[in-house]
Amino acid sequence: MPTTVFRCLLLSLAIVHGSSDAASAHEQDHFSLIQRQLDTIERLATRAEVARTAEPDDRYRFDYPRLTQDIQRIRQGVRSYLSPSRAQPRDPHEMVGDYRLDTPQAEASP
């Protein structure tokens, strides 16, 4: 599941990153589809987070909050492309794309 979500996220980012001119009607249709897909990905990630069962011996867990932040970042990029206010410098922050967190080890009781 996380792999599929990550692939969809990367595809959406590639489509958004590859655009440079004002959006045509056809392109706007595609961006509307991307927005709906981002909504779907976000809902699926929320369901997966709620349904996850943390095992005490799990070494890693999926970083759902970071995924949600990246989805919001892509959504914001699409919105600002479709309705730019004026030319401004690009945001230098990049997405990390690493959604694996180390699970903290429980301290042994004496």
PDB file of N, CA and C in Angstrom:
ATOM      1  N   MET A   1       0.815  -1.202   0.000  1.00  0.00           N
ATOM      2  CA  MET A   1       0.000   0.000   0.000  1.00  0.00           C
ATOM      3  C   MET A   1       0.854   1.261   0.000  1.00  0.00           C
ATOM      4  N   PRO A   2       1.829   1.428   0.939  1.00  0.00           N
ATOM      5  CA  PRO A   2       2.636   2.638   0.904  1.00  0.00           C
ATOM      6  C   PRO A   2       3.390   2.816  -0.411  1.00  0.00           C
ATOM      7  N   THR A   3       3.812   1.723  -1.052  1.00  0.00           N
ATOM      8  CA  THR A   3       4.527   1.828  -2.317  1.00  0.00           C
ATOM      9  C   THR A   3       3.615   2.407  -3.396  1.00  0.00           C
ATOM     10  N   THR A   4       2.383   1.961  -3.457  1.00  0.00           N
ATOM     11  CA  THR A   4       1.429   2.476  -4.433  1.00  0.00           C
ATOM     12  C   THR A   4       1.165   3.957  -4.185  1.00  0.00           C
ATOM     13  N   VAL A   5       0.981   4.327  -2.940  1.00  0.00           N
ATOM     14  CA  VAL A   5       0.749   5.729  -2.597  1.00  0.00           C
ATOM     15  C   VAL A   5       1.944   6.563  -3.034  1.00  0.00           C
ATOM     16  N   PHE A   6       3.146   6.079  -2.751  1.00  0.00           N
ATOM     17  CA  PHE A   6       4.355   6.819  -3.093  1.00  0.00           C
ATOM     18  C   PHE A   6       4.492   6.961  -4.607  1.00  0.00           C
ATOM     19  N   ARG A   7       4.171   5.923  -5.373  1.00  0.00           N
ATOM     20  CA  ARG A   7       4.252   6.005  -6.838  1.00  0.00           C
ATOM     21  C   ARG A   7       3.275   7.040  -7.387  1.00  0.00           C
ATOM     22  N   CYS A   8       2.057   7.050  -6.862  1.00  0.00           N
ATOM     23  CA  CYS A   8       1.059   8.032  -7.311  1.00  0.00           C
ATOM     24  C   CYS A   8       1.524   9.444  -6.969  1.00  0.00           C
ATOM     25  N   LEU A   9       2.115   9.586  -5.790  1.00  0.00           N
ATOM     26  CA  LEU A   9       2.629  10.886  -5.375  1.00  0.00           C
ATOM     27  C   LEU A   9       3.735  11.359  -6.303  1.00  0.00           C
ATOM     28  N   LEU A  10       4.653  10.471  -6.654  1.00  0.00           N
ATOM     29  CA  LEU A  10       5.736  10.834  -7.561  1.00  0.00           C
ATOM     30  C   LEU A  10       5.220  11.163  -8.956  1.00  0.00           C
ATOM     31  N   LEU A  11       4.241  10.407  -9.439  1.00  0.00           N
ATOM     32  CA  LEU A  11       3.656  10.687 -10.747  1.00  0.00           C
ATOM     33  C   LEU A  11       3.018  12.075 -10.763  1.00  0.00           C
ATOM     34  N   SER A  12       2.274  12.380  -9.721  1.00  0.00           N
ATOM     35  CA  SER A  12       1.645  13.699  -9.638  1.00  0.00           C
ATOM     36  C   SER A  12       2.686  14.796  -9.603  1.00  0.00           C
ATOM     37  N   LEU A  13       3.757  14.584  -8.844  1.00  0.00           N
ATOM     38  CA  LEU A  13       4.823  15.574  -8.765  1.00  0.00           C
ATOM     39  C   LEU A  13       5.489  15.755 -10.118  1.00  0.00           C
ATOM     40  N   ALA A  14       5.736  14.684 -10.833  1.00  0.00           N
ATOM     41  CA  ALA A  14       6.376  14.775 -12.147  1.00  0.00           C
ATOM     42  C   ALA A  14       5.511  15.559 -13.122  1.00  0.00           C
ATOM     43  N   ILE A  15       4.219  15.350 -13.072  1.00  0.00           N
ATOM     44  CA  ILE A  15       3.317  16.076 -13.969  1.00  0.00           C
ATOM     45  C   ILE A  15       3.306  17.554 -13.614  1.00  0.00           C
ATOM     46  N   VAL A  16       3.249  17.862 -12.325  1.00  0.00           N
ATOM     47  CA  VAL A  16       3.226  19.249 -11.890  1.00  0.00           C
ATOM     48  C   VAL A  16       4.555  19.921 -12.214  1.00  0.00           C
ATOM     49  N   HIS A  17       5.656  19.249 -11.975  1.00  0.00           N
ATOM     50  CA  HIS A  17       6.982  19.826 -12.197  1.00  0.00           C
ATOM     51  C   HIS A  17       7.242  20.081 -13.682  1.00  0.00           C
ATOM     52  N   GLY A  18       6.695  19.245 -14.550  1.00  0.00           N
ATOM     53  CA  GLY A  18       6.961  19.366 -15.975  1.00  0.00           C
ATOM     54  C   GLY A  18       6.210  20.477 -16.664  1.00  0.00           C
ATOM     55  N   SER A  19       5.325  21.161 -15.971  1.00  0.00           N
ATOM     56  CA  SER A  19       4.544  22.202 -16.620  1.00  0.00           C
ATOM     57  C   SER A  19       5.166  23.559 -16.379  1.00  0.00           C
ATOM     58  N   SER A  20       5.160  24.395 -17.437  1.00  0.00           N
ATOM     59  CA  SER A  20       5.785  25.704 -17.289  1.00  0.00           C
ATOM     60  C   SER A  20       4.950  26.842 -17.856  1.00  0.00           C
ATOM     61  N   ASP A  21       4.046  26.600 -18.744  1.00  0.00           N
ATOM     62  CA  ASP A  21       3.236  27.655 -19.350  1.00  0.00           C
ATOM     63  C   ASP A  21       1.890  27.739 -18.658  1.00  0.00           C
ATOM     64  N   ALA A  22       1.137  28.775 -18.986  1.00  0.00           N
ATOM     65  CA  ALA A  22      -0.207  28.916 -18.434  1.00  0.00           C
ATOM     66  C   ALA A  22      -1.049  27.712 -18.828  1.00  0.00           C
ATOM     67  N   ALA A  23      -1.915  27.307 -17.941  1.00  0.00           N
ATOM     68  CA  ALA A  23      -2.695  26.095 -18.142  1.00  0.00           C
ATOM     69  C   ALA A  23      -3.786  26.299 -19.186  1.00  0.00           C
ATOM     70  N   SER A  24      -3.818  25.428 -20.195  1.00  0.00           N
ATOM     71  CA  SER A  24      -4.898  25.421 -21.171  1.00  0.00           C
ATOM     72  C   SER A  24      -6.094  24.698 -20.556  1.00  0.00           C
ATOM     73  N   ALA A  25      -7.204  24.728 -21.242  1.00  0.00           N
ATOM     74  CA  ALA A  25      -8.399  24.043 -20.737  1.00  0.00           C
ATOM     75  C   ALA A  25      -8.141  22.550 -20.588  1.00  0.00           C
ATOM     76  N   HIS A  26      -7.450  21.978 -21.573  1.00  0.00           N
ATOM     77  CA  HIS A  26      -7.127  20.548 -21.510  1.00  0.00           C
ATOM     78  C   HIS A  26      -6.207  20.256 -20.320  1.00  0.00           C
ATOM     79  N   GLU A  27      -5.235  21.123 -20.128  1.00  0.00           N
ATOM     80  CA  GLU A  27      -4.305  20.941 -19.016  1.00  0.00           C
ATOM     81  C   GLU A  27      -5.020  21.133 -17.679  1.00  0.00           C
ATOM     82  N   GLN A  28      -5.937  22.077 -17.623  1.00  0.00           N
ATOM     83  CA  GLN A  28      -6.694  22.292 -16.395  1.00  0.00           C
ATOM     84  C   GLN A  28      -7.512  21.060 -16.038  1.00  0.00           C
ATOM     85  N   ASP A  29      -8.053  20.366 -17.052  1.00  0.00           N
ATOM     86  CA  ASP A  29      -8.769  19.117 -16.804  1.00  0.00           C
ATOM     87  C   ASP A  29      -7.844  18.090 -16.164  1.00  0.00           C
ATOM     88  N   HIS A  30      -6.622  18.021 -16.665  1.00  0.00           N
ATOM     89  CA  HIS A  30      -5.655  17.079 -16.104  1.00  0.00           C
ATOM     90  C   HIS A  30      -5.306  17.444 -14.665  1.00  0.00           C
ATOM     91  N   PHE A  31      -5.150  18.728 -14.398  1.00  0.00           N
ATOM     92  CA  PHE A  31      -4.840  19.149 -13.035  1.00  0.00           C
ATOM     93  C   PHE A  31      -6.014  18.908 -12.092  1.00  0.00           C
ATOM     94  N   SER A  32      -7.219  19.035 -12.586  1.00  0.00           N
ATOM     95  CA  SER A  32      -8.388  18.697 -11.768  1.00  0.00           C
ATOM     96  C   SER A  32      -8.359  17.225 -11.392  1.00  0.00           C
ATOM     97  N   LEU A  33      -7.979  16.394 -12.365  1.00  0.00           N
ATOM     98  CA  LEU A  33      -7.852  14.964 -12.098  1.00  0.00           C
ATOM     99  C   LEU A  33      -6.759  14.706 -11.060  1.00  0.00           C
ATOM    100  N   ILE A  34      -5.650  15.407 -11.179  1.00  0.00           N
ATOM    101  CA  ILE A  34      -4.560  15.254 -10.206  1.00  0.00           C
ATOM    102  C   ILE A  34      -5.052  15.642  -8.812  1.00  0.00           C
ATOM    103  N   GLN A  35      -5.806  16.721  -8.724  1.00  0.00           N
ATOM    104  CA  GLN A  35      -6.335  17.149  -7.422  1.00  0.00           C
ATOM    105  C   GLN A  35      -7.231  16.063  -6.812  1.00  0.00           C
ATOM    106  N   ARG A  36      -8.079  15.469  -7.637  1.00  0.00           N
ATOM    107  CA  ARG A  36      -8.958  14.396  -7.141  1.00  0.00           C
ATOM    108  C   ARG A  36      -8.142  13.187  -6.717  1.00  0.00           C
ATOM    109  N   GLN A  37      -7.093  12.860  -7.479  1.00  0.00           N
ATOM    110  CA  GLN A  37      -6.243  11.729  -7.116  1.00  0.00           C
ATOM    111  C   GLN A  37      -5.490  11.999  -5.818  1.00  0.00           C
ATOM    112  N   LEU A  38      -5.060  13.228  -5.617  1.00  0.00           N
ATOM    113  CA  LEU A  38      -4.402  13.572  -4.359  1.00  0.00           C
ATOM    114  C   LEU A  38      -5.364  13.420  -3.190  1.00  0.00           C
ATOM    115  N   ASP A  39      -6.623  13.817  -3.392  1.00  0.00           N
ATOM    116  CA  ASP A  39      -7.635  13.623  -2.355  1.00  0.00           C
ATOM    117  C   ASP A  39      -7.795  12.143  -2.036  1.00  0.00           C
ATOM    118  N   THR A  40      -7.841  11.316  -3.080  1.00  0.00           N
ATOM    119  CA  THR A  40      -7.986   9.875  -2.890  1.00  0.00           C
ATOM    120  C   THR A  40      -6.778   9.292  -2.163  1.00  0.00           C
ATOM    121  N   ILE A  41      -5.577   9.690  -2.567  1.00  0.00           N
ATOM    122  CA  ILE A  41      -4.364   9.199  -1.922  1.00  0.00           C
ATOM    123  C   ILE A  41      -4.358   9.589  -0.444  1.00  0.00           C
ATOM    124  N   GLU A  42      -4.769  10.814  -0.168  1.00  0.00           N
ATOM    125  CA  GLU A  42      -4.795  11.269   1.220  1.00  0.00           C
ATOM    126  C   GLU A  42      -5.802  10.471   2.050  1.00  0.00           C
ATOM    127  N   ARG A  43      -6.969  10.206   1.482  1.00  0.00           N
ATOM    128  CA  ARG A  43      -7.968   9.392   2.192  1.00  0.00           C
ATOM    129  C   ARG A  43      -7.446   7.978   2.441  1.00  0.00           C
ATOM    130  N   LEU A  44      -6.802   7.381   1.427  1.00  0.00           N
ATOM    131  CA  LEU A  44      -6.254   6.033   1.594  1.00  0.00           C
ATOM    132  C   LEU A  44      -5.162   6.008   2.660  1.00  0.00           C
ATOM    133  N   ALA A  45      -4.326   7.008   2.681  1.00  0.00           N
ATOM    134  CA  ALA A  45      -3.268   7.078   3.689  1.00  0.00           C
ATOM    135  C   ALA A  45      -3.855   7.226   5.083  1.00  0.00           C
ATOM    136  N   THR A  46      -4.917   8.032   5.198  1.00  0.00           N
ATOM    137  CA  THR A  46      -5.566   8.197   6.503  1.00  0.00           C
ATOM    138  C   THR A  46      -6.172   6.883   6.965  1.00  0.00           C
ATOM    139  N   ARG A  47      -6.829   6.178   6.066  1.00  0.00           N
ATOM    140  CA  ARG A  47      -7.396   4.864   6.418  1.00  0.00           C
ATOM    141  C   ARG A  47      -6.307   3.885   6.836  1.00  0.00           C
ATOM    142  N   ALA A  48      -5.205   3.882   6.088  1.00  0.00           N
ATOM    143  CA  ALA A  48      -4.108   2.969   6.411  1.00  0.00           C
ATOM    144  C   ALA A  48      -3.511   3.298   7.776  1.00  0.00           C
ATOM    145  N   GLU A  49      -3.400   4.581   8.079  1.00  0.00           N
ATOM    146  CA  GLU A  49      -2.849   4.978   9.374  1.00  0.00           C
ATOM    147  C   GLU A  49      -3.757   4.540  10.512  1.00  0.00           C
ATOM    148  N   VAL A  50      -5.066   4.708  10.328  1.00  0.00           N
ATOM    149  CA  VAL A  50      -6.025   4.314  11.359  1.00  0.00           C
ATOM    150  C   VAL A  50      -6.049   2.793  11.529  1.00  0.00           C
ATOM    151  N   ALA A  51      -5.913   2.074  10.419  1.00  0.00           N
ATOM    152  CA  ALA A  51      -6.019   0.612  10.452  1.00  0.00           C
ATOM    153  C   ALA A  51      -4.718  -0.089  10.847  1.00  0.00           C
ATOM    154  N   ARG A  52      -3.611   0.649  10.886  1.00  0.00           N
ATOM    155  CA  ARG A  52      -2.332  -0.015  11.180  1.00  0.00           C
ATOM    156  C   ARG A  52      -2.325  -0.577  12.593  1.00  0.00           C
ATOM    157  N   THR A  53      -1.625  -1.661  12.733  1.00  0.00           N
ATOM    158  CA  THR A  53      -1.444  -2.282  14.036  1.00  0.00           C
ATOM    159  C   THR A  53       0.044  -2.284  14.332  1.00  0.00           C
ATOM    160  N   ALA A  54       0.421  -1.523  15.322  1.00  0.00           N
ATOM    161  CA  ALA A  54       1.836  -1.412  15.677  1.00  0.00           C
ATOM    162  C   ALA A  54       2.240  -2.627  16.499  1.00  0.00           C
ATOM    163  N   GLU A  55       3.214  -3.321  16.002  1.00  0.00           N
ATOM    164  CA  GLU A  55       3.765  -4.460  16.719  1.00  0.00           C
ATOM    165  C   GLU A  55       4.901  -3.962  17.602  1.00  0.00           C
ATOM    166  N   PRO A  56       5.019  -4.486  18.811  1.00  0.00           N
ATOM    167  CA  PRO A  56       6.073  -4.008  19.704  1.00  0.00           C
ATOM    168  C   PRO A  56       7.488  -4.248  19.179  1.00  0.00           C
ATOM    169  N   ASP A  57       7.672  -5.259  18.338  1.00  0.00           N
ATOM    170  CA  ASP A  57       9.018  -5.548  17.840  1.00  0.00           C
ATOM    171  C   ASP A  57       9.278  -4.960  16.450  1.00  0.00           C
ATOM    172  N   ASP A  58       8.374  -4.090  15.951  1.00  0.00           N
ATOM    173  CA  ASP A  58       8.588  -3.429  14.661  1.00  0.00           C
ATOM    174  C   ASP A  58       9.776  -2.481  14.777  1.00  0.00           C
ATOM    175  N   ARG A  59      10.688  -2.595  13.826  1.00  0.00           N
ATOM    176  CA  ARG A  59      11.849  -1.706  13.823  1.00  0.00           C
ATOM    177  C   ARG A  59      11.520  -0.393  13.109  1.00  0.00           C
ATOM    178  N   TYR A  60      10.660  -0.450  12.102  1.00  0.00           N
ATOM    179  CA  TYR A  60      10.297   0.727  11.325  1.00  0.00           C
ATOM    180  C   TYR A  60       8.791   0.845  11.248  1.00  0.00           C
ATOM    181  N   ARG A  61       8.349   2.064  11.024  1.00  0.00           N
ATOM    182  CA  ARG A  61       6.936   2.309  10.759  1.00  0.00           C
ATOM    183  C   ARG A  61       6.845   3.384   9.688  1.00  0.00           C
ATOM    184  N   PHE A  62       5.702   3.472   9.033  1.00  0.00           N
ATOM    185  CA  PHE A  62       5.503   4.429   7.949  1.00  0.00           C
ATOM    186  C   PHE A  62       5.225   5.805   8.536  1.00  0.00           C
ATOM    187  N   ASP A  63       5.810   6.835   7.971  1.00  0.00           N
ATOM    188  CA  ASP A  63       5.664   8.203   8.443  1.00  0.00           C
ATOM    189  C   ASP A  63       4.488   8.869   7.717  1.00  0.00           C
ATOM    190  N   TYR A  64       3.281   8.613   8.210  1.00  0.00           N
ATOM    191  CA  TYR A  64       2.074   9.151   7.596  1.00  0.00           C
ATOM    192  C   TYR A  64       2.001  10.684   7.648  1.00  0.00           C
ATOM    193  N   PRO A  65       2.388  11.319   8.748  1.00  0.00           N
ATOM    194  CA  PRO A  65       2.344  12.791   8.754  1.00  0.00           C
ATOM    195  C   PRO A  65       3.230  13.412   7.666  1.00  0.00           C
ATOM    196  N   ARG A  66       4.385  12.842   7.409  1.00  0.00           N
ATOM    197  CA  ARG A  66       5.256  13.393   6.362  1.00  0.00           C
ATOM    198  C   ARG A  66       4.619  13.205   4.989  1.00  0.00           C
ATOM    199  N   LEU A  67       3.987  12.059   4.764  1.00  0.00           N
ATOM    200  CA  LEU A  67       3.293  11.836   3.498  1.00  0.00           C
ATOM    201  C   LEU A  67       2.190  12.873   3.316  1.00  0.00           C
ATOM    202  N   THR A  68       1.429  13.129   4.364  1.00  0.00           N
ATOM    203  CA  THR A  68       0.354  14.118   4.301  1.00  0.00           C
ATOM    204  C   THR A  68       0.911  15.503   3.987  1.00  0.00           C
ATOM    205  N   GLN A  69       2.037  15.861   4.587  1.00  0.00           N
ATOM    206  CA  GLN A  69       2.665  17.151   4.290  1.00  0.00           C
ATOM    207  C   GLN A  69       3.082  17.233   2.826  1.00  0.00           C
ATOM    208  N   ASP A  70       3.644  16.147   2.285  1.00  0.00           N
ATOM    209  CA  ASP A  70       4.064  16.147   0.884  1.00  0.00           C
ATOM    210  C   ASP A  70       2.872  16.259  -0.059  1.00  0.00           C
ATOM    211  N   ILE A  71       1.782  15.589   0.273  1.00  0.00           N
ATOM    212  CA  ILE A  71       0.567  15.687  -0.545  1.00  0.00           C
ATOM    213  C   ILE A  71       0.064  17.134  -0.536  1.00  0.00           C
ATOM    214  N   GLN A  72       0.059  17.756   0.640  1.00  0.00           N
ATOM    215  CA  GLN A  72      -0.373  19.154   0.733  1.00  0.00           C
ATOM    216  C   GLN A  72       0.546  20.063  -0.077  1.00  0.00           C
ATOM    217  N   ARG A  73       1.816  19.751  -0.084  1.00  0.00           N
ATOM    218  CA  ARG A  73       2.794  20.548  -0.837  1.00  0.00           C
ATOM    219  C   ARG A  73       2.522  20.449  -2.345  1.00  0.00           C
ATOM    220  N   ILE A  74       2.234  19.257  -2.821  1.00  0.00           N
ATOM    221  CA  ILE A  74       1.910  19.075  -4.243  1.00  0.00           C
ATOM    222  C   ILE A  74       0.611  19.805  -4.571  1.00  0.00           C
ATOM    223  N   ARG A  75      -0.382  19.655  -3.691  1.00  0.00           N
ATOM    224  CA  ARG A  75      -1.672  20.321  -3.905  1.00  0.00           C
ATOM    225  C   ARG A  75      -1.477  21.843  -3.987  1.00  0.00           C
ATOM    226  N   GLN A  76      -0.669  22.384  -3.102  1.00  0.00           N
ATOM    227  CA  GLN A  76      -0.388  23.819  -3.110  1.00  0.00           C
ATOM    228  C   GLN A  76       0.319  24.227  -4.404  1.00  0.00           C
ATOM    229  N   GLY A  77       1.242  23.394  -4.889  1.00  0.00           N
ATOM    230  CA  GLY A  77       1.931  23.695  -6.136  1.00  0.00           C
ATOM    231  C   GLY A  77       0.989  23.723  -7.320  1.00  0.00           C
ATOM    232  N   VAL A  78       0.057  22.796  -7.360  1.00  0.00           N
ATOM    233  CA  VAL A  78      -0.925  22.763  -8.445  1.00  0.00           C
ATOM    234  C   VAL A  78      -1.797  24.019  -8.384  1.00  0.00           C
ATOM    235  N   ARG A  79      -2.267  24.367  -7.182  1.00  0.00           N
ATOM    236  CA  ARG A  79      -3.113  25.555  -7.040  1.00  0.00           C
ATOM    237  C   ARG A  79      -2.380  26.825  -7.472  1.00  0.00           C
ATOM    238  N   SER A  80      -1.123  26.948  -7.042  1.00  0.00           N
ATOM    239  CA  SER A  80      -0.391  28.169  -7.387  1.00  0.00           C
ATOM    240  C   SER A  80      -0.047  28.212  -8.872  1.00  0.00           C
ATOM    241  N   TYR A  81       0.067  27.054  -9.521  1.00  0.00           N
ATOM    242  CA  TYR A  81       0.296  27.035 -10.965  1.00  0.00           C
ATOM    243  C   TYR A  81      -0.964  27.458 -11.707  1.00  0.00           C
ATOM    244  N   LEU A  82      -2.104  26.948 -11.264  1.00  0.00           N
ATOM    245  CA  LEU A  82      -3.365  27.244 -11.944  1.00  0.00           C
ATOM    246  C   LEU A  82      -3.820  28.688 -11.729  1.00  0.00           C
ATOM    247  N   SER A  83      -3.480  29.275 -10.600  1.00  0.00           N
ATOM    248  CA  SER A  83      -3.888  30.664 -10.355  1.00  0.00           C
ATOM    249  C   SER A  83      -2.725  31.430  -9.718  1.00  0.00           C
ATOM    250  N   PRO A  84      -1.703  31.712 -10.527  1.00  0.00           N
ATOM    251  CA  PRO A  84      -0.548  32.445  -9.996  1.00  0.00           C
ATOM    252  C   PRO A  84      -0.919  33.883  -9.669  1.00  0.00           C
ATOM    253  N   SER A  85      -0.375  34.380  -8.561  1.00  0.00           N
ATOM    254  CA  SER A  85      -0.645  35.764  -8.194  1.00  0.00           C
ATOM    255  C   SER A  85       0.302  36.698  -8.934  1.00  0.00           C
ATOM    256  N   ARG A  86       1.581  36.362  -8.946  1.00  0.00           N
ATOM    257  CA  ARG A  86       2.590  37.107  -9.695  1.00  0.00           C
ATOM    258  C   ARG A  86       3.886  36.310  -9.624  1.00  0.00           C
ATOM    259  N   ALA A  87       4.841  36.708 -10.397  1.00  0.00           N
ATOM    260  CA  ALA A  87       6.108  35.998 -10.405  1.00  0.00           C
ATOM    261  C   ALA A  87       6.816  36.173  -9.064  1.00  0.00           C
ATOM    262  N   GLN A  88       7.148  35.056  -8.437  1.00  0.00           N
ATOM    263  CA  GLN A  88       7.848  35.062  -7.160  1.00  0.00           C
ATOM    264  C   GLN A  88       8.927  33.995  -7.195  1.00  0.00           C
ATOM    265  N   PRO A  89       9.918  34.129  -6.335  1.00  0.00           N
ATOM    266  CA  PRO A  89      10.960  33.099  -6.305  1.00  0.00           C
ATOM    267  C   PRO A  89      10.376  31.747  -5.917  1.00  0.00           C
ATOM    268  N   ARG A  90      10.978  30.709  -6.449  1.00  0.00           N
ATOM    269  CA  ARG A  90      10.520  29.351  -6.137  1.00  0.00           C
ATOM    270  C   ARG A  90      10.831  29.016  -4.692  1.00  0.00           C
ATOM    271  N   ASP A  91      10.027  28.188  -4.110  1.00  0.00           N
ATOM    272  CA  ASP A  91      10.243  27.713  -2.746  1.00  0.00           C
ATOM    273  C   ASP A  91      11.416  26.743  -2.764  1.00  0.00           C
ATOM    274  N   PRO A  92      12.484  27.006  -2.013  1.00  0.00           N
ATOM    275  CA  PRO A  92      13.668  26.150  -2.083  1.00  0.00           C
ATOM    276  C   PRO A  92      13.534  24.829  -1.340  1.00  0.00           C
ATOM    277  N   HIS A  93      12.470  24.632  -0.584  1.00  0.00           N
ATOM    278  CA  HIS A  93      12.322  23.402   0.180  1.00  0.00           C
ATOM    279  C   HIS A  93      11.959  22.245  -0.739  1.00  0.00           C
ATOM    280  N   GLU A  94      12.579  21.120  -0.511  1.00  0.00           N
ATOM    281  CA  GLU A  94      12.290  19.929  -1.297  1.00  0.00           C
ATOM    282  C   GLU A  94      11.633  18.888  -0.407  1.00  0.00           C
ATOM    283  N   MET A  95      10.856  18.018  -1.038  1.00  0.00           N
ATOM    284  CA  MET A  95      10.271  16.918  -0.287  1.00  0.00           C
ATOM    285  C   MET A  95      11.353  15.906   0.014  1.00  0.00           C
ATOM    286  N   VAL A  96      11.211  15.263   1.148  1.00  0.00           N
ATOM    287  CA  VAL A  96      12.203  14.280   1.549  1.00  0.00           C
ATOM    288  C   VAL A  96      11.928  12.950   0.867  1.00  0.00           C
ATOM    289  N   GLY A  97      10.691  12.497   0.879  1.00  0.00           N
ATOM    290  CA  GLY A  97      10.336  11.254   0.212  1.00  0.00           C
ATOM    291  C   GLY A  97      10.687  10.005   0.995  1.00  0.00           C
ATOM    292  N   ASP A  98      11.253  10.135   2.180  1.00  0.00           N
ATOM    293  CA  ASP A  98      11.607   8.987   3.006  1.00  0.00           C
ATOM    294  C   ASP A  98      10.553   8.880   4.095  1.00  0.00           C
ATOM    295  N   TYR A  99       9.722   7.864   4.017  1.00  0.00           N
ATOM    296  CA  TYR A  99       8.592   7.746   4.927  1.00  0.00           C
ATOM    297  C   TYR A  99       8.769   6.652   5.967  1.00  0.00           C
ATOM    298  N   ARG A 100      10.002   6.201   6.162  1.00  0.00           N
ATOM    299  CA  ARG A 100      10.239   5.146   7.138  1.00  0.00           C
ATOM    300  C   ARG A 100      10.821   5.769   8.399  1.00  0.00           C
ATOM    301  N   LEU A 101      10.188   5.493   9.537  1.00  0.00           N
ATOM    302  CA  LEU A 101      10.659   5.989  10.826  1.00  0.00           C
ATOM    303  C   LEU A 101      11.143   4.823  11.666  1.00  0.00           C
ATOM    304  N   ASP A 102      12.212   5.036  12.386  1.00  0.00           N
ATOM    305  CA  ASP A 102      12.650   4.033  13.344  1.00  0.00           C
ATOM    306  C   ASP A 102      11.682   4.042  14.514  1.00  0.00           C
ATOM    307  N   THR A 103      11.276   2.860  14.940  1.00  0.00           N
ATOM    308  CA  THR A 103      10.405   2.756  16.098  1.00  0.00           C
ATOM    309  C   THR A 103      11.272   2.827  17.343  1.00  0.00           C
ATOM    310  N   PRO A 104      10.961   3.738  18.267  1.00  0.00           N
ATOM    311  CA  PRO A 104      11.786   3.843  19.471  1.00  0.00           C
ATOM    312  C   PRO A 104      11.717   2.546  20.277  1.00  0.00           C
ATOM    313  N   GLN A 105      12.873   2.125  20.756  1.00  0.00           N
ATOM    314  CA  GLN A 105      12.939   0.914  21.552  1.00  0.00           C
ATOM    315  C   GLN A 105      12.448   1.217  22.955  1.00  0.00           C
ATOM    316  N   ALA A 106      11.629   0.329  23.490  1.00  0.00           N
ATOM    317  CA  ALA A 106      11.139   0.496  24.859  1.00  0.00           C
ATOM    318  C   ALA A 106      12.285   0.222  25.811  1.00  0.00           C
ATOM    319  N   GLU A 107      12.399   1.083  26.831  1.00  0.00           N
ATOM    320  CA  GLU A 107      13.466   0.891  27.792  1.00  0.00           C
ATOM    321  C   GLU A 107      13.137  -0.301  28.690  1.00  0.00           C
ATOM    322  N   ALA A 108      14.181  -1.077  28.963  1.00  0.00           N
ATOM    323  CA  ALA A 108      14.001  -2.251  29.831  1.00  0.00           C
ATOM    324  C   ALA A 108      13.817  -1.770  31.257  1.00  0.00           C
ATOM    325  N   SER A 109      12.826  -2.309  31.927  1.00  0.00           N
ATOM    326  CA  SER A 109      12.590  -1.925  33.315  1.00  0.00           C
ATOM    327  C   SER A 109      13.508  -2.721  34.229  1.00  0.00           C
ATOM    328  N   PRO A 110      14.066  -2.072  35.283  1.00  0.00           N
ATOM    329  CA  PRO A 110      15.029  -2.761  36.176  1.00  0.00           C
ATOM    330  C   PRO A 110      14.408  -3.784  37.048  1.00  0.00           C
TER     331      PRO A 110
END
